[in-house]
Amino acid sequence: MDYSLEAALPKVYSEKNGKLYNVHWDSQGLEADQVLDEYQVYIEGYIDGAVQILSIDHTLPDRSYGHRTGYVPEVGKEAAIKLVEVIKRLLHQLVTERYEQLEKAEQSK
């Protein structure tokens, strides 16, 4: 492959915005992350569930997200840390597994 696993992993991060944080994620558009399209409904349900659970203890504003890219603005630090962790674990696991499959297939040629 022409890219590393690191390059294929979606970027998931939070950035400070005043006293609050904005959470972002974005896929890279490489072959290994195309797996995210296959799991669109699962990913969006998983993220929505995580947001709903965090909403119990934290006030979360409107958000805009999907399976490849998303944004949750103005959340507290603790909620931002948890949300980044949950989203990163989900997306990185799927992309890593697909990357390893593609790498194995390429090596067996």
N, C-alpha and C. Protein backbone atom coordinates (compact mmCIF):
# COMPACT_ATOMS: atom_id res chain seq x y z
N MET A 1 0.84 -1.18 0.00
CA MET A 1 0.00 0.00 0.00
C MET A 1 0.89 1.24 0.00
N ASP A 2 0.29 2.31 -0.45
CA ASP A 2 1.04 3.57 -0.58
C ASP A 2 0.97 4.43 0.68
N TYR A 3 0.40 3.91 1.76
CA TYR A 3 0.23 4.71 2.97
C TYR A 3 0.35 3.81 4.20
N SER A 4 0.60 4.44 5.32
CA SER A 4 0.75 3.71 6.58
C SER A 4 -0.60 3.63 7.30
N LEU A 5 -0.64 2.78 8.30
CA LEU A 5 -1.84 2.69 9.13
C LEU A 5 -2.11 4.04 9.78
N GLU A 6 -1.08 4.67 10.26
CA GLU A 6 -1.22 5.98 10.91
C GLU A 6 -1.92 6.98 9.98
N ALA A 7 -1.56 6.98 8.71
CA ALA A 7 -2.16 7.89 7.74
C ALA A 7 -3.63 7.56 7.48
N ALA A 8 -3.99 6.29 7.63
CA ALA A 8 -5.36 5.85 7.34
C ALA A 8 -6.33 6.11 8.49
N LEU A 9 -5.81 6.22 9.70
CA LEU A 9 -6.70 6.36 10.86
C LEU A 9 -7.40 7.71 10.85
N PRO A 10 -8.71 7.71 11.13
CA PRO A 10 -9.44 8.97 11.22
C PRO A 10 -8.85 9.85 12.31
N LYS A 11 -8.86 11.13 12.07
CA LYS A 11 -8.39 12.09 13.07
C LYS A 11 -9.55 12.36 14.02
N VAL A 12 -9.32 12.15 15.30
CA VAL A 12 -10.33 12.38 16.33
C VAL A 12 -9.66 13.22 17.42
N TYR A 13 -10.21 14.38 17.69
CA TYR A 13 -9.55 15.27 18.64
C TYR A 13 -10.54 16.28 19.21
N SER A 14 -10.12 16.93 20.28
CA SER A 14 -10.89 18.05 20.82
C SER A 14 -9.99 19.27 20.82
N GLU A 15 -10.61 20.41 20.73
CA GLU A 15 -9.86 21.66 20.79
C GLU A 15 -10.58 22.60 21.74
N LYS A 16 -9.80 23.31 22.51
CA LYS A 16 -10.37 24.23 23.50
C LYS A 16 -10.97 25.44 22.80
N ASN A 17 -12.15 25.82 23.24
CA ASN A 17 -12.86 26.98 22.70
C ASN A 17 -13.36 27.79 23.89
N GLY A 18 -12.52 28.67 24.39
CA GLY A 18 -12.86 29.40 25.61
C GLY A 18 -12.77 28.46 26.79
N LYS A 19 -13.86 28.35 27.55
CA LYS A 19 -13.89 27.45 28.70
C LYS A 19 -14.33 26.04 28.31
N LEU A 20 -14.84 25.87 27.10
CA LEU A 20 -15.37 24.58 26.65
C LEU A 20 -14.49 24.00 25.54
N TYR A 21 -14.91 22.86 25.04
CA TYR A 21 -14.15 22.15 24.01
C TYR A 21 -15.06 21.77 22.85
N ASN A 22 -14.48 21.73 21.66
CA ASN A 22 -15.15 21.23 20.47
C ASN A 22 -14.52 19.89 20.11
N VAL A 23 -15.34 18.90 19.84
CA VAL A 23 -14.86 17.57 19.46
C VAL A 23 -15.07 17.39 17.96
N HIS A 24 -14.03 16.91 17.28
CA HIS A 24 -14.07 16.73 15.83
C HIS A 24 -13.59 15.33 15.47
N TRP A 25 -14.08 14.80 14.35
CA TRP A 25 -13.49 13.62 13.75
C TRP A 25 -13.68 13.69 12.24
N ASP A 26 -12.70 13.11 11.55
CA ASP A 26 -12.71 13.18 10.10
C ASP A 26 -11.89 12.02 9.54
N SER A 27 -12.46 11.31 8.59
CA SER A 27 -11.73 10.21 7.95
C SER A 27 -10.80 10.79 6.88
N GLN A 28 -9.87 9.97 6.42
CA GLN A 28 -8.82 10.45 5.53
C GLN A 28 -9.10 10.17 4.05
N GLY A 29 -10.10 9.36 3.75
CA GLY A 29 -10.44 9.10 2.35
C GLY A 29 -9.52 8.09 1.68
N LEU A 30 -8.93 7.21 2.45
CA LEU A 30 -8.05 6.17 1.90
C LEU A 30 -8.80 4.84 1.84
N GLU A 31 -8.25 3.90 1.11
CA GLU A 31 -8.93 2.62 0.92
C GLU A 31 -9.29 1.94 2.24
N ALA A 32 -8.39 1.98 3.21
CA ALA A 32 -8.64 1.30 4.48
C ALA A 32 -9.81 1.91 5.25
N ASP A 33 -10.05 3.20 5.09
CA ASP A 33 -11.16 3.78 5.86
C ASP A 33 -12.50 3.71 5.12
N GLN A 34 -12.51 3.10 3.95
CA GLN A 34 -13.78 2.89 3.25
C GLN A 34 -14.68 1.94 4.03
N VAL A 35 -14.09 1.17 4.94
CA VAL A 35 -14.86 0.29 5.81
C VAL A 35 -15.90 1.07 6.61
N LEU A 36 -15.63 2.34 6.86
CA LEU A 36 -16.58 3.15 7.62
C LEU A 36 -17.91 3.28 6.89
N ASP A 37 -17.89 3.28 5.57
CA ASP A 37 -19.13 3.34 4.80
C ASP A 37 -19.95 2.06 5.00
N GLU A 38 -19.27 0.93 5.10
CA GLU A 38 -19.95 -0.35 5.28
C GLU A 38 -20.67 -0.43 6.63
N TYR A 39 -20.14 0.27 7.61
CA TYR A 39 -20.69 0.24 8.96
C TYR A 39 -21.38 1.54 9.35
N GLN A 40 -21.86 2.27 8.37
CA GLN A 40 -22.44 3.59 8.61
C GLN A 40 -23.52 3.58 9.68
N VAL A 41 -24.50 2.72 9.55
CA VAL A 41 -25.62 2.70 10.49
C VAL A 41 -25.12 2.34 11.90
N TYR A 42 -24.25 1.36 11.98
CA TYR A 42 -23.69 0.95 13.27
C TYR A 42 -22.92 2.09 13.92
N ILE A 43 -22.04 2.73 13.16
CA ILE A 43 -21.21 3.82 13.69
C ILE A 43 -22.07 4.98 14.17
N GLU A 44 -23.02 5.40 13.36
CA GLU A 44 -23.86 6.53 13.74
C GLU A 44 -24.70 6.20 14.96
N GLY A 45 -25.20 4.97 15.06
CA GLY A 45 -25.96 4.55 16.25
C GLY A 45 -25.08 4.50 17.48
N TYR A 46 -23.87 4.01 17.32
CA TYR A 46 -22.91 3.92 18.42
C TYR A 46 -22.57 5.31 18.95
N ILE A 47 -22.25 6.22 18.04
CA ILE A 47 -21.91 7.58 18.45
C ILE A 47 -23.11 8.27 19.09
N ASP A 48 -24.29 8.08 18.51
CA ASP A 48 -25.48 8.70 19.08
C ASP A 48 -25.73 8.15 20.49
N GLY A 49 -25.53 6.85 20.68
CA GLY A 49 -25.69 6.26 22.00
C GLY A 49 -24.70 6.84 23.00
N ALA A 50 -23.46 7.01 22.57
CA ALA A 50 -22.44 7.59 23.45
C ALA A 50 -22.82 9.02 23.83
N VAL A 51 -23.29 9.78 22.86
CA VAL A 51 -23.69 11.16 23.13
C VAL A 51 -24.88 11.18 24.09
N GLN A 52 -25.83 10.28 23.89
CA GLN A 52 -27.00 10.23 24.78
C GLN A 52 -26.60 9.89 26.21
N ILE A 53 -25.67 8.95 26.37
CA ILE A 53 -25.20 8.60 27.71
C ILE A 53 -24.48 9.77 28.35
N LEU A 54 -23.61 10.43 27.60
CA LEU A 54 -22.90 11.59 28.14
C LEU A 54 -23.87 12.72 28.48
N SER A 55 -24.98 12.79 27.77
CA SER A 55 -25.96 13.85 28.02
C SER A 55 -26.65 13.70 29.37
N ILE A 56 -26.57 12.51 29.96
CA ILE A 56 -27.18 12.30 31.27
C ILE A 56 -26.47 13.15 32.33
N ASP A 57 -25.13 13.15 32.28
CA ASP A 57 -24.35 13.87 33.28
C ASP A 57 -23.79 15.20 32.79
N HIS A 58 -23.88 15.46 31.50
CA HIS A 58 -23.29 16.66 30.93
C HIS A 58 -24.29 17.31 29.98
N THR A 59 -24.31 18.61 29.95
CA THR A 59 -25.16 19.31 28.99
C THR A 59 -24.42 19.34 27.66
N LEU A 60 -25.00 18.69 26.66
CA LEU A 60 -24.39 18.69 25.34
C LEU A 60 -25.29 19.44 24.37
N PRO A 61 -24.73 20.35 23.60
CA PRO A 61 -25.51 21.15 22.65
C PRO A 61 -25.84 20.33 21.41
N ASP A 62 -26.53 20.98 20.48
CA ASP A 62 -26.78 20.33 19.20
C ASP A 62 -25.46 19.90 18.60
N ARG A 63 -25.52 18.85 17.84
CA ARG A 63 -24.31 18.34 17.22
C ARG A 63 -24.59 17.94 15.78
N SER A 64 -23.54 17.84 15.02
CA SER A 64 -23.64 17.45 13.62
C SER A 64 -22.61 16.36 13.39
N TYR A 65 -23.07 15.15 13.14
CA TYR A 65 -22.10 14.09 12.96
C TYR A 65 -22.62 12.99 12.06
N GLY A 66 -21.66 12.27 11.54
CA GLY A 66 -21.93 11.12 10.71
C GLY A 66 -20.87 10.07 10.94
N HIS A 67 -20.84 9.09 10.09
CA HIS A 67 -19.92 7.98 10.28
C HIS A 67 -18.49 8.31 9.85
N ARG A 68 -18.29 9.29 8.98
CA ARG A 68 -16.96 9.65 8.50
C ARG A 68 -16.44 10.96 9.10
N THR A 69 -17.34 11.84 9.45
CA THR A 69 -16.94 13.15 9.95
C THR A 69 -17.97 13.64 10.95
N GLY A 70 -17.53 14.45 11.89
CA GLY A 70 -18.49 14.96 12.86
C GLY A 70 -17.92 16.07 13.71
N TYR A 71 -18.83 16.69 14.44
CA TYR A 71 -18.49 17.87 15.23
C TYR A 71 -19.49 17.97 16.37
N VAL A 72 -18.99 18.03 17.59
CA VAL A 72 -19.83 18.29 18.75
C VAL A 72 -19.23 19.52 19.44
N PRO A 73 -19.90 20.66 19.35
CA PRO A 73 -19.31 21.90 19.89
C PRO A 73 -19.62 22.11 21.36
N GLU A 74 -18.75 22.86 21.99
CA GLU A 74 -18.97 23.44 23.31
C GLU A 74 -19.39 22.43 24.38
N VAL A 75 -18.53 21.45 24.61
CA VAL A 75 -18.77 20.49 25.69
C VAL A 75 -17.71 20.69 26.76
N GLY A 76 -18.02 20.27 27.95
CA GLY A 76 -17.07 20.36 29.04
C GLY A 76 -15.86 19.46 28.79
N LYS A 77 -14.80 19.73 29.52
CA LYS A 77 -13.55 19.00 29.33
C LYS A 77 -13.72 17.49 29.54
N GLU A 78 -14.37 17.10 30.61
CA GLU A 78 -14.56 15.68 30.91
C GLU A 78 -15.36 14.98 29.81
N ALA A 79 -16.43 15.60 29.36
CA ALA A 79 -17.25 15.02 28.29
C ALA A 79 -16.46 14.94 27.00
N ALA A 80 -15.67 15.95 26.70
CA ALA A 80 -14.86 15.96 25.47
C ALA A 80 -13.85 14.82 25.50
N ILE A 81 -13.19 14.63 26.63
CA ILE A 81 -12.21 13.55 26.76
C ILE A 81 -12.88 12.19 26.53
N LYS A 82 -14.02 11.98 27.16
CA LYS A 82 -14.73 10.70 27.02
C LYS A 82 -15.21 10.49 25.59
N LEU A 83 -15.75 11.53 24.99
CA LEU A 83 -16.27 11.41 23.63
C LEU A 83 -15.15 11.12 22.64
N VAL A 84 -14.02 11.79 22.77
CA VAL A 84 -12.88 11.52 21.89
C VAL A 84 -12.44 10.06 22.06
N GLU A 85 -12.35 9.60 23.28
CA GLU A 85 -11.91 8.23 23.56
C GLU A 85 -12.85 7.20 22.91
N VAL A 86 -14.14 7.38 23.07
CA VAL A 86 -15.13 6.44 22.54
C VAL A 86 -15.11 6.43 21.01
N ILE A 87 -15.11 7.59 20.40
CA ILE A 87 -15.14 7.68 18.94
C ILE A 87 -13.84 7.15 18.35
N LYS A 88 -12.72 7.51 18.94
CA LYS A 88 -11.43 7.06 18.44
C LYS A 88 -11.33 5.53 18.52
N ARG A 89 -11.74 4.96 19.64
CA ARG A 89 -11.68 3.51 19.80
C ARG A 89 -12.50 2.80 18.71
N LEU A 90 -13.70 3.28 18.47
CA LEU A 90 -14.58 2.66 17.47
C LEU A 90 -14.01 2.80 16.06
N LEU A 91 -13.73 4.00 15.63
CA LEU A 91 -13.28 4.23 14.26
C LEU A 91 -11.91 3.62 14.00
N HIS A 92 -11.00 3.76 14.95
CA HIS A 92 -9.65 3.22 14.76
C HIS A 92 -9.65 1.70 14.71
N GLN A 93 -10.50 1.06 15.49
CA GLN A 93 -10.57 -0.40 15.47
C GLN A 93 -11.02 -0.89 14.09
N LEU A 94 -12.07 -0.30 13.55
CA LEU A 94 -12.57 -0.71 12.23
C LEU A 94 -11.53 -0.48 11.14
N VAL A 95 -10.90 0.68 11.14
CA VAL A 95 -9.91 1.00 10.10
C VAL A 95 -8.67 0.13 10.25
N THR A 96 -8.23 -0.11 11.47
CA THR A 96 -7.06 -0.95 11.70
C THR A 96 -7.29 -2.36 11.19
N GLU A 97 -8.44 -2.93 11.49
CA GLU A 97 -8.76 -4.28 11.01
C GLU A 97 -8.77 -4.34 9.49
N ARG A 98 -9.37 -3.33 8.85
CA ARG A 98 -9.42 -3.32 7.38
C ARG A 98 -8.02 -3.13 6.80
N TYR A 99 -7.23 -2.26 7.39
CA TYR A 99 -5.87 -2.03 6.93
C TYR A 99 -5.07 -3.34 6.98
N GLU A 100 -5.20 -4.06 8.08
CA GLU A 100 -4.47 -5.33 8.23
C GLU A 100 -4.94 -6.36 7.19
N GLN A 101 -6.23 -6.39 6.89
CA GLN A 101 -6.75 -7.28 5.85
C GLN A 101 -6.16 -6.92 4.49
N LEU A 102 -6.15 -5.66 4.17
CA LEU A 102 -5.61 -5.20 2.89
C LEU A 102 -4.12 -5.48 2.78
N GLU A 103 -3.41 -5.26 3.87
CA GLU A 103 -1.97 -5.51 3.89
C GLU A 103 -1.68 -7.01 3.70
N LYS A 104 -2.44 -7.85 4.34
CA LYS A 104 -2.27 -9.30 4.22
C LYS A 104 -2.57 -9.76 2.79
N ALA A 105 -3.63 -9.22 2.21
CA ALA A 105 -3.99 -9.56 0.83
C ALA A 105 -2.89 -9.13 -0.14
N GLU A 106 -2.31 -7.98 0.09
CA GLU A 106 -1.24 -7.48 -0.77
C GLU A 106 0.02 -8.35 -0.64
N GLN A 107 0.32 -8.79 0.53
CA GLN A 107 1.51 -9.61 0.75
C GLN A 107 1.37 -11.01 0.16
N SER A 108 0.13 -11.48 0.03
CA SER A 108 -0.07 -12.83 -0.51
C SER A 108 -0.11 -12.86 -2.03
N LYS A 109 0.02 -11.72 -2.66
CA LYS A 109 0.03 -11.66 -4.14
C LYS A 109 1.32 -12.18 -4.68
